[in-house]
C-alpha atoms as a PDB file:
ATOM      1  CA  MET A   1      14.987  -6.546 -21.754  1.00  0.00           C
ATOM      2  CA  ASN A   2      12.846  -6.225 -24.556  1.00  0.00           C
ATOM      3  CA  LYS A   3       9.587  -8.114 -24.303  1.00  0.00           C
ATOM      4  CA  GLY A   4       8.464  -7.825 -27.802  1.00  0.00           C
ATOM      5  CA  PRO A   5       4.959  -6.719 -28.698  1.00  0.00           C
ATOM      6  CA  VAL A   6       3.148  -9.961 -28.294  1.00  0.00           C
ATOM      7  CA  VAL A   7       1.688 -10.693 -25.092  1.00  0.00           C
ATOM      8  CA  SER A   8       0.833 -14.228 -23.839  1.00  0.00           C
ATOM      9  CA  LEU A   9      -1.930 -13.717 -21.171  1.00  0.00           C
ATOM     10  CA  GLY A  10      -1.094 -16.845 -19.491  1.00  0.00           C
ATOM     11  CA  GLU A  11       2.483 -15.910 -18.741  1.00  0.00           C
ATOM     12  CA  LEU A  12       1.709 -12.272 -17.024  1.00  0.00           C
ATOM     13  CA  ASP A  13       2.601 -11.460 -13.533  1.00  0.00           C
ATOM     14  CA  PHE A  14      -0.235 -10.662 -11.382  1.00  0.00           C
ATOM     15  CA  ALA A  15      -0.420  -8.372  -8.319  1.00  0.00           C
ATOM     16  CA  GLU A  16      -3.484  -9.016  -5.615  1.00  0.00           C
ATOM     17  CA  GLN A  17      -5.629  -6.417  -4.029  1.00  0.00           C
ATOM     18  CA  ARG A  18      -8.235  -6.650  -1.368  1.00  0.00           C
ATOM     19  CA  HIS A  19     -10.397  -4.680   0.693  1.00  0.00           C
ATOM     20  CA  GLY A  20     -12.971  -5.188   3.006  1.00  0.00           C
ATOM     21  CA  GLN A  21     -15.775  -7.715   2.163  1.00  0.00           C
ATOM     22  CA  HIS A  22     -16.515  -6.331  -1.364  1.00  0.00           C
ATOM     23  CA  PHE A  23     -13.300  -5.954  -2.970  1.00  0.00           C
ATOM     24  CA  ALA A  24     -10.536  -8.277  -4.249  1.00  0.00           C
ATOM     25  CA  ALA A  25      -9.122  -8.553  -7.694  1.00  0.00           C
ATOM     26  CA  ARG A  26      -5.947  -9.989  -9.525  1.00  0.00           C
ATOM     27  CA  PHE A  27      -4.431  -7.808 -12.192  1.00  0.00           C
ATOM     28  CA  ALA A  28      -1.368  -7.831 -14.653  1.00  0.00           C
ATOM     29  CA  ALA A  29       0.066  -5.071 -16.632  1.00  0.00           C
ATOM     30  CA  ILE A  30      -0.328  -5.713 -20.498  1.00  0.00           C
ATOM     31  CA  ALA A  31       0.795  -2.280 -22.215  1.00  0.00           C
ATOM     32  CA  ALA A  32       3.092  -0.394 -20.044  1.00  0.00           C
ATOM     33  CA  PRO A  33       5.740  -3.241 -19.629  1.00  0.00           C
ATOM     34  CA  ARG A  34       5.980  -3.092 -23.517  1.00  0.00           C
ATOM     35  CA  GLY A  35       6.376   0.569 -23.606  1.00  0.00           C
ATOM     36  CA  ALA A  36       3.067   2.039 -24.016  1.00  0.00           C
ATOM     37  CA  GLU A  37       2.720   5.552 -22.314  1.00  0.00           C
ATOM     38  CA  ARG A  38      -0.689   6.824 -23.888  1.00  0.00           C
ATOM     39  CA  LEU A  39      -2.613   3.521 -23.549  1.00  0.00           C
ATOM     40  CA  GLY A  40      -3.203   1.479 -20.741  1.00  0.00           C
ATOM     41  CA  ALA A  41      -4.121  -2.014 -20.656  1.00  0.00           C
ATOM     42  CA  ARG A  42      -4.357  -4.470 -17.724  1.00  0.00           C
ATOM     43  CA  LEU A  43      -5.853  -8.094 -17.389  1.00  0.00           C
ATOM     44  CA  VAL A  44      -8.079  -8.196 -14.429  1.00  0.00           C
ATOM     45  CA  GLU A  45      -9.570 -11.200 -12.487  1.00  0.00           C
ATOM     46  CA  VAL A  46     -12.295 -10.663 -10.156  1.00  0.00           C
ATOM     47  CA  PRO A  47     -13.577 -13.581  -7.541  1.00  0.00           C
ATOM     48  CA  ALA A  48     -17.161 -14.504  -7.819  1.00  0.00           C
ATOM     49  CA  GLY A  49     -19.298 -11.855  -5.978  1.00  0.00           C
ATOM     50  CA  LYS A  50     -16.536  -9.259  -5.534  1.00  0.00           C
ATOM     51  CA  LYS A  51     -15.827  -6.022  -7.266  1.00  0.00           C
ATOM     52  CA  ALA A  52     -12.194  -4.685  -8.194  1.00  0.00           C
ATOM     53  CA  TRP A  53     -12.729  -1.108  -7.480  1.00  0.00           C
ATOM     54  CA  PRO A  54     -15.175   1.586  -6.101  1.00  0.00           C
ATOM     55  CA  TYR A  55     -17.849   2.915  -8.440  1.00  0.00           C
ATOM     56  CA  HIS A  56     -16.054   5.732 -10.119  1.00  0.00           C
ATOM     57  CA  CYS A  57     -15.643   8.298 -13.085  1.00  0.00           C
ATOM     58  CA  HIS A  58     -12.781   9.691 -14.610  1.00  0.00           C
ATOM     59  CA  HIS A  59     -12.856  13.339 -15.765  1.00  0.00           C
ATOM     60  CA  ALA A  60     -10.014  12.958 -18.244  1.00  0.00           C
ATOM     61  CA  ASN A  61      -9.803   9.198 -19.508  1.00  0.00           C
ATOM     62  CA  ASP A  62     -11.956   6.761 -21.517  1.00  0.00           C
ATOM     63  CA  GLU A  63     -12.080   3.072 -20.327  1.00  0.00           C
ATOM     64  CA  LEU A  64     -13.108   0.096 -22.269  1.00  0.00           C
ATOM     65  CA  PHE A  65     -13.522  -3.354 -20.881  1.00  0.00           C
ATOM     66  CA  VAL A  66     -13.181  -6.609 -22.633  1.00  0.00           C
ATOM     67  CA  ILE A  67     -14.908  -9.608 -21.013  1.00  0.00           C
ATOM     68  CA  LEU A  68     -12.870 -12.504 -21.561  1.00  0.00           C
ATOM     69  CA  ALA A  69     -14.831 -15.184 -19.104  1.00  0.00           C
ATOM     70  CA  GLY A  70     -17.473 -15.371 -16.561  1.00  0.00           C
ATOM     71  CA  GLN A  71     -20.290 -13.122 -16.127  1.00  0.00           C
ATOM     72  CA  GLY A  72     -21.416 -10.170 -13.924  1.00  0.00           C
ATOM     73  CA  THR A  73     -22.992  -6.884 -13.668  1.00  0.00           C
ATOM     74  CA  LEU A  74     -21.967  -3.301 -14.967  1.00  0.00           C
ATOM     75  CA  ARG A  75     -23.000  -0.532 -13.064  1.00  0.00           C
ATOM     76  CA  PHE A  76     -23.042   2.710 -15.200  1.00  0.00           C
ATOM     77  CA  GLY A  77     -24.362   5.977 -14.446  1.00  0.00           C
ATOM     78  CA  GLY A  78     -27.002   4.544 -12.093  1.00  0.00           C
ATOM     79  CA  ALA A  79     -28.081   1.897 -14.222  1.00  0.00           C
ATOM     80  CA  LEU A  80     -27.349  -2.124 -14.071  1.00  0.00           C
ATOM     81  CA  TYR A  81     -26.427  -4.024 -17.180  1.00  0.00           C
ATOM     82  CA  PRO A  82     -25.632  -7.760 -17.427  1.00  0.00           C
ATOM     83  CA  VAL A  83     -22.205  -8.479 -19.128  1.00  0.00           C
ATOM     84  CA  LYS A  84     -20.936 -11.904 -19.948  1.00  0.00           C
ATOM     85  CA  ALA A  85     -17.784 -13.370 -21.928  1.00  0.00           C
ATOM     86  CA  GLY A  86     -17.763 -11.696 -25.415  1.00  0.00           C
ATOM     87  CA  ASP A  87     -19.208  -8.283 -24.235  1.00  0.00           C
ATOM     88  CA  VAL A  88     -17.200  -5.231 -24.588  1.00  0.00           C
ATOM     89  CA  VAL A  89     -18.241  -2.247 -22.082  1.00  0.00           C
ATOM     90  CA  VAL A  90     -17.422   1.344 -23.123  1.00  0.00           C
ATOM     91  CA  CYS A  91     -17.064   3.938 -20.288  1.00  0.00           C
ATOM     92  CA  PRO A  92     -16.163   7.559 -21.633  1.00  0.00           C
ATOM     93  CA  ALA A  93     -14.879  10.181 -19.550  1.00  0.00           C
ATOM     94  CA  GLY A  94     -17.439  12.536 -17.818  1.00  0.00           C
ATOM     95  CA  GLY A  95     -19.172  13.125 -14.537  1.00  0.00           C
ATOM     96  CA  PRO A  96     -21.314  10.999 -12.300  1.00  0.00           C
ATOM     97  CA  GLU A  97     -23.412   9.964 -15.215  1.00  0.00           C
ATOM     98  CA  THR A  98     -20.495   7.816 -16.694  1.00  0.00           C
ATOM     99  CA  ALA A  99     -19.440   6.370 -13.256  1.00  0.00           C
ATOM    100  CA  HIS A 100     -18.981   2.517 -13.643  1.00  0.00           C
ATOM    101  CA  GLN A 101     -18.040  -0.405 -11.640  1.00  0.00           C
ATOM    102  CA  LEU A 102     -17.852  -4.116 -12.739  1.00  0.00           C
ATOM    103  CA  GLN A 103     -19.050  -7.167 -10.009  1.00  0.00           C
ATOM    104  CA  ALA A 104     -18.426 -10.682 -10.696  1.00  0.00           C
ATOM    105  CA  ASP A 105     -21.417 -12.643 -10.524  1.00  0.00           C
ATOM    106  CA  GLU A 106     -22.204 -14.567  -7.237  1.00  0.00           C
ATOM    107  CA  GLU A 107     -21.234 -17.961  -8.899  1.00  0.00           C
ATOM    108  CA  TYR A 108     -18.600 -16.856 -11.342  1.00  0.00           C
ATOM    109  CA  PRO A 109     -15.630 -15.077 -11.521  1.00  0.00           C
ATOM    110  CA  LEU A 110     -14.997 -12.049 -14.099  1.00  0.00           C
ATOM    111  CA  ARG A 111     -11.767 -11.947 -16.245  1.00  0.00           C
ATOM    112  CA  TYR A 112     -11.478  -9.176 -18.705  1.00  0.00           C
ATOM    113  CA  ILE A 113      -9.139  -6.882 -20.013  1.00  0.00           C
ATOM    114  CA  ALA A 114      -9.228  -3.126 -18.996  1.00  0.00           C
ATOM    115  CA  VAL A 115      -7.854  -0.497 -21.603  1.00  0.00           C
ATOM    116  CA  SER A 116      -7.753   3.075 -20.862  1.00  0.00           C
ATOM    117  CA  THR A 117      -6.484   6.139 -22.385  1.00  0.00           C
ATOM    118  CA  MET A 118      -3.556   7.359 -20.034  1.00  0.00           C
ATOM    119  CA  ASN A 119      -4.176  10.956 -19.511  1.00  0.00           C
ATOM    120  CA  GLU A 120      -2.845  13.072 -16.575  1.00  0.00           C
ATOM    121  CA  PRO A 121      -3.888  14.777 -14.772  1.00  0.00           C
ATOM    122  CA  ASP A 122      -7.205  13.278 -14.106  1.00  0.00           C
ATOM    123  CA  VAL A 123      -9.930  13.750 -11.644  1.00  0.00           C
ATOM    124  CA  MET A 124     -11.832  10.902 -10.430  1.00  0.00           C
ATOM    125  CA  GLU A 125     -15.353  10.911  -8.719  1.00  0.00           C
ATOM    126  CA  TYR A 126     -16.706   8.581  -6.062  1.00  0.00           C
ATOM    127  CA  PRO A 127     -20.354   9.020  -5.905  1.00  0.00           C
ATOM    128  CA  ASP A 128     -21.026   6.364  -3.299  1.00  0.00           C
ATOM    129  CA  SER A 129     -18.599   7.780  -1.048  1.00  0.00           C
ATOM    130  CA  GLY A 130     -18.602  11.430  -1.869  1.00  0.00           C
ATOM    131  CA  LYS A 131     -14.766  11.431  -2.522  1.00  0.00           C
ATOM    132  CA  ILE A 132     -12.828  13.133  -5.250  1.00  0.00           C
ATOM    133  CA  ALA A 133      -9.057  12.064  -6.202  1.00  0.00           C
ATOM    134  CA  ALA A 134      -6.577  14.000  -8.538  1.00  0.00           C
ATOM    135  CA  PHE A 135      -3.409  12.365 -10.026  1.00  0.00           C
ATOM    136  CA  ALA A 136      -0.776  14.266 -11.648  1.00  0.00           C
ATOM    137  CA  GLY A 137       2.593  12.916 -13.208  1.00  0.00           C
ATOM    138  CA  ALA A 138       1.002   9.594 -13.797  1.00  0.00           C
ATOM    139  CA  ALA A 139      -2.317   8.601 -14.969  1.00  0.00           C
ATOM    140  CA  PRO A 140      -4.788   6.310 -12.852  1.00  0.00           C
ATOM    141  CA  GLY A 141      -3.286   2.893 -13.125  1.00  0.00           C
ATOM    142  CA  GLY A 142       0.153   4.259 -14.070  1.00  0.00           C
ATOM    143  CA  ASP A 143       3.436   4.336 -12.308  1.00  0.00           C
ATOM    144  CA  LYS A 144       2.652   5.547  -8.618  1.00  0.00           C
ATOM    145  CA  ASN A 145       6.620   6.425  -8.409  1.00  0.00           C
ATOM    146  CA  ARG A 146       6.059   9.270 -10.830  1.00  0.00           C
ATOM    147  CA  ARG A 147       3.230  10.847  -9.473  1.00  0.00           C
ATOM    148  CA  ARG A 148       3.596  14.411  -8.172  1.00  0.00           C
ATOM    149  CA  VAL A 149      -0.004  14.628  -6.875  1.00  0.00           C
ATOM    150  CA  ALA A 150      -1.933  12.051  -5.626  1.00  0.00           C
ATOM    151  CA  LEU A 151      -4.753  13.391  -3.559  1.00  0.00           C
ATOM    152  CA  THR A 152      -8.179  11.851  -2.375  1.00  0.00           C
ATOM    153  CA  VAL A 153     -10.676  14.032  -0.398  1.00  0.00           C
ATOM    154  CA  ARG A 154     -14.173  14.237   0.527  1.00  0.00           C
ATOM    155  CA  ALA A 155     -16.077  16.628  -1.438  1.00  0.00           C
ATOM    156  CA  GLN A 156     -17.406  18.235   1.575  1.00  0.00           C
ATOM    157  CA  SER A 157     -14.142  19.178   2.667  1.00  0.00           C
ATOM    158  CA  ALA A 158     -13.592  21.803  -0.132  1.00  0.00           C
ATOM    159  CA  VAL A 159     -12.458  25.259   0.888  1.00  0.00           C
ATOM    160  CA  ASP A 160     -13.029  28.494  -0.993  1.00  0.00           C
ATOM    161  CA  TYR A 161     -10.325  29.021  -3.995  1.00  0.00           C
ATOM    162  CA  TRP A 162      -9.025  32.270  -1.931  1.00  0.00           C
ATOM    163  CA  ASP A 163      -8.971  30.365   1.386  1.00  0.00           C
ATOM    164  CA  GLY A 164      -5.631  31.103   3.094  1.00  0.00           C
ATOM    165  CA  GLU A 165      -4.511  33.612   0.284  1.00  0.00           C
ATOM    166  CA  ASP A 166      -4.386  36.655   2.702  1.00  0.00           C
END
């Protein structure tokens, strides 16, 4: 069924995720259902006081967030920045210096459109937890059924390149 190129944000189908006390979000795909493969976009709603995803950076994908409603805080490269409706946040690919996370204000939910390049493979770092993740076959936010590699490890569990190659 061709959905056409026009998207009504009020008619999107949302998925929900929660983890522990700090993470919660509703999100709905915008770009993929309309055939976009190299550009990702989704509508994200974060309840007051919550974060949608852990603090992270992408080595292969740029992200952009258009704040539609509410207010909150952007954590970016170790600094904090207030965000509100009408703001646009740019998070280029890079290392921990471009790590980012949005958190809704304690009193207001945060609603934004997340846009990203859909490059794969991608490697992500999670500075708070010391994890590294690698995805191939589908970019982060992409179709998990198309992933050939989806691996998340702690950085300290790394082995030497030649380990086990006797």
